[in-house]
Amino acid sequence: MKKILNTVVTVIGWLVLLLAFSSIGFATSKPAAGVPLYMLFNLILFAGIYYYVSKQKHGQKKVVEKKSIFPRIIGGVILLISLLMPWLVFAKINLTASTYIIMTVSTIVMIFLAFLAVRMINKGGANLPRLAGYLILIVLAAIPALAAIYFFLPYFNRPYDALGTAYWCYVAIAVLGWWGFSLVGKKS
């Protein structure tokens, strides 16, 4: 019974994750076509990763020293998608090209700072670096709210639309950025 319950929870978790990533399609000019296309893309991506991981588990029994560059390539692609996430999410409001460049550079800085903060927290040792890591994450968590209040508010009809879109974009950047870093930096 416990195995069945774990399987059901896992399937529901993957469906929720698939639907969350498919919601990128709502940011397109045609959400009726964008959501199914993003769902198909993410389904193919998840299936490919599942196939690769299951193949690696079987392959590890046969050859332990086999090194593959495939996870690093996939990680690089996922990192690129995380960098382009502001372009994808905010394409509907027709910002200038310089604004997109500024958002991309700030995305790179935020991903780097989040990576640095998590490394500081996980490294252990003295409490001061760990505290600094947590403070960096708290400050980074406030950035979407500040961006929504001071920049995106004129582009949306309602304030919570601006806030929700900014945080949705930020969460997508964080998840994809962390996933990409974990694949790129994976030790063989």
Protein backbone atom coordinates (compact mmCIF):
# COMPACT_ATOMS: atom_id res chain seq x y z
CA MET A 1 0.00 0.00 0.00
CA LYS A 2 2.84 2.38 0.86
CA LYS A 3 4.52 1.70 -2.52
CA ILE A 4 1.28 2.49 -4.37
CA LEU A 5 0.82 5.70 -2.40
CA ASN A 6 4.40 6.77 -3.16
CA THR A 7 3.83 6.08 -6.86
CA VAL A 8 0.60 8.11 -6.87
CA VAL A 9 2.29 11.03 -5.08
CA THR A 10 5.22 10.89 -7.53
CA VAL A 11 2.90 10.90 -10.57
CA ILE A 12 0.88 13.79 -9.15
CA GLY A 13 4.08 15.70 -8.42
CA TRP A 14 5.32 15.24 -11.99
CA LEU A 15 1.94 16.30 -13.39
CA VAL A 16 1.93 19.46 -11.27
CA LEU A 17 5.49 20.23 -12.37
CA LEU A 18 4.57 19.63 -16.03
CA LEU A 19 1.52 21.89 -15.72
CA ALA A 20 3.54 24.58 -13.95
CA PHE A 21 6.17 24.65 -16.70
CA SER A 22 3.44 24.51 -19.36
CA SER A 23 1.97 27.70 -17.93
CA ILE A 24 4.80 29.54 -19.69
CA GLY A 25 2.41 29.36 -22.65
CA PHE A 26 0.11 31.89 -20.97
CA ALA A 27 2.79 34.52 -21.55
CA THR A 28 2.64 34.05 -25.32
CA SER A 29 0.45 36.11 -27.63
CA LYS A 30 -1.76 33.06 -28.27
CA PRO A 31 -2.19 31.17 -24.97
CA ALA A 32 -4.58 28.63 -26.54
CA ALA A 33 -1.72 27.39 -28.71
CA GLY A 34 1.15 28.30 -26.39
CA VAL A 35 0.12 26.19 -23.39
CA PRO A 36 -0.26 22.90 -25.33
CA LEU A 37 3.00 23.54 -27.21
CA TYR A 38 4.90 24.19 -23.99
CA MET A 39 3.26 21.13 -22.45
CA LEU A 40 4.40 19.00 -25.38
CA PHE A 41 7.92 20.46 -25.24
CA ASN A 42 8.21 19.86 -21.49
CA LEU A 43 6.73 16.38 -21.78
CA ILE A 44 9.35 15.48 -24.41
CA LEU A 45 12.06 17.06 -22.25
CA PHE A 46 10.96 15.16 -19.10
CA ALA A 47 10.62 11.89 -21.04
CA GLY A 48 14.09 12.32 -22.52
CA ILE A 49 15.59 12.99 -19.12
CA TYR A 50 13.73 10.04 -17.59
CA TYR A 51 14.96 7.78 -20.41
CA TYR A 52 18.52 9.01 -19.96
CA VAL A 53 18.48 8.57 -16.17
CA SER A 54 16.96 5.09 -16.38
CA LYS A 55 19.51 4.12 -19.04
CA GLN A 56 22.34 5.46 -16.85
CA LYS A 57 21.18 3.34 -13.90
CA HIS A 58 21.38 0.20 -16.02
CA GLY A 59 24.64 1.30 -17.63
CA GLN A 60 26.33 1.87 -14.27
CA LYS A 61 26.11 -1.82 -13.49
CA LYS A 62 28.08 -2.67 -16.62
CA VAL A 63 30.63 0.14 -16.94
CA VAL A 64 31.38 2.37 -13.98
CA GLU A 65 34.01 4.57 -15.64
CA LYS A 66 31.84 5.60 -18.58
CA LYS A 67 31.69 9.41 -18.70
CA SER A 68 29.04 11.20 -20.70
CA ILE A 69 28.89 14.79 -21.80
CA PHE A 70 25.14 14.56 -22.46
CA PRO A 71 24.08 15.81 -18.98
CA ARG A 72 26.37 18.81 -19.30
CA ILE A 73 24.91 19.68 -22.71
CA ILE A 74 21.35 19.36 -21.39
CA GLY A 75 22.36 21.44 -18.35
CA GLY A 76 23.77 24.14 -20.62
CA VAL A 77 20.54 24.22 -22.64
CA ILE A 78 18.48 24.46 -19.44
CA LEU A 79 20.72 27.29 -18.19
CA LEU A 80 20.22 29.10 -21.49
CA ILE A 81 16.45 28.69 -21.16
CA SER A 82 16.62 30.11 -17.63
CA LEU A 83 18.52 33.12 -18.96
CA LEU A 84 15.92 33.64 -21.69
CA MET A 85 12.98 33.24 -19.29
CA PRO A 86 12.44 37.02 -18.89
CA TRP A 87 12.24 37.33 -22.68
CA LEU A 88 9.66 34.53 -22.80
CA VAL A 89 7.55 35.75 -19.89
CA PHE A 90 7.51 39.46 -20.66
CA ALA A 91 7.30 39.25 -24.46
CA LYS A 92 3.61 40.08 -24.24
CA ILE A 93 4.15 43.58 -22.87
CA ASN A 94 6.52 44.68 -25.66
CA LEU A 95 9.46 46.05 -23.72
CA THR A 96 12.40 47.66 -25.49
CA ALA A 97 15.45 45.57 -26.43
CA SER A 98 17.64 47.42 -23.94
CA THR A 99 15.20 46.48 -21.17
CA TYR A 100 15.47 42.81 -22.11
CA ILE A 101 19.27 43.07 -22.10
CA ILE A 102 19.18 44.63 -18.64
CA MET A 103 16.82 41.88 -17.44
CA THR A 104 19.10 39.18 -18.88
CA VAL A 105 22.18 40.65 -17.20
CA SER A 106 20.30 40.96 -13.90
CA THR A 107 19.15 37.35 -14.33
CA ILE A 108 22.77 36.24 -14.70
CA VAL A 109 23.71 38.19 -11.58
CA MET A 110 20.75 36.76 -9.60
CA ILE A 111 21.56 33.19 -10.63
CA PHE A 112 25.20 33.69 -9.67
CA LEU A 113 24.29 35.24 -6.29
CA ALA A 114 21.80 32.45 -5.55
CA PHE A 115 24.42 29.85 -6.46
CA LEU A 116 26.95 31.62 -4.22
CA ALA A 117 24.45 31.86 -1.34
CA VAL A 118 23.58 28.17 -1.50
CA ARG A 119 27.27 27.26 -1.59
CA MET A 120 27.85 29.43 1.48
CA ILE A 121 24.96 27.76 3.31
CA ASN A 122 25.93 24.21 2.37
CA LYS A 123 29.64 24.60 2.98
CA GLY A 124 29.07 24.52 6.72
CA GLY A 125 31.73 25.68 9.10
CA ALA A 126 31.28 29.06 10.74
CA ASN A 127 27.82 30.52 11.22
CA LEU A 128 28.65 33.93 9.72
CA PRO A 129 29.01 32.72 6.10
CA ARG A 130 25.86 30.62 6.46
CA LEU A 131 23.96 33.62 7.83
CA ALA A 132 25.27 35.76 4.96
CA GLY A 133 24.04 33.09 2.51
CA TYR A 134 20.55 33.17 4.01
CA LEU A 135 20.52 36.98 3.93
CA ILE A 136 21.51 36.95 0.25
CA LEU A 137 18.59 34.59 -0.50
CA ILE A 138 16.18 36.82 1.43
CA VAL A 139 17.32 39.90 -0.51
CA LEU A 140 17.05 37.98 -3.78
CA ALA A 141 13.51 36.94 -2.86
CA ALA A 142 12.51 40.61 -2.57
CA ILE A 143 13.77 41.58 -6.05
CA PRO A 144 10.65 40.46 -8.00
CA ALA A 145 8.39 42.48 -5.69
CA LEU A 146 10.54 45.57 -6.14
CA ALA A 147 10.62 45.02 -9.92
CA ALA A 148 6.84 44.63 -10.00
CA ILE A 149 6.24 47.77 -7.92
CA TYR A 150 8.74 50.08 -9.59
CA PHE A 151 8.91 48.80 -13.15
CA PHE A 152 6.21 46.36 -14.29
CA LEU A 153 3.17 48.03 -12.72
CA PRO A 154 2.48 50.37 -15.69
CA TYR A 155 2.42 47.40 -18.08
CA PHE A 156 -0.27 45.39 -16.28
CA ASN A 157 -3.95 46.10 -15.57
CA ARG A 158 -3.81 44.99 -11.94
CA PRO A 159 -0.96 45.16 -9.42
CA TYR A 160 -1.24 41.48 -8.50
CA ASP A 161 -0.82 40.56 -12.17
CA ALA A 162 2.51 42.40 -12.21
CA LEU A 163 3.57 40.83 -8.92
CA GLY A 164 2.44 37.35 -9.92
CA THR A 165 4.17 37.51 -13.29
CA ALA A 166 7.40 38.82 -11.76
CA TYR A 167 7.46 36.07 -9.12
CA TRP A 168 6.45 33.39 -11.61
CA CYS A 169 9.34 34.41 -13.85
CA TYR A 170 11.70 34.46 -10.88
CA VAL A 171 10.68 30.99 -9.71
CA ALA A 172 11.10 29.61 -13.22
CA ILE A 173 14.56 31.19 -13.42
CA ALA A 174 15.50 29.76 -10.02
CA VAL A 175 14.29 26.23 -10.78
CA LEU A 176 15.75 26.07 -14.27
CA GLY A 177 18.99 27.75 -13.18
CA TRP A 178 19.51 25.35 -10.30
CA TRP A 179 18.63 22.35 -12.46
CA GLY A 180 21.04 23.52 -15.17
CA PHE A 181 23.86 24.10 -12.68
CA SER A 182 23.30 20.70 -11.11
CA LEU A 183 23.63 19.03 -14.52
CA VAL A 184 26.58 21.12 -15.71
CA GLY A 185 28.47 20.70 -12.44
CA LYS A 186 27.61 17.02 -12.04
CA LYS A 187 30.57 14.96 -10.97
CA SER A 188 31.07 11.84 -13.02
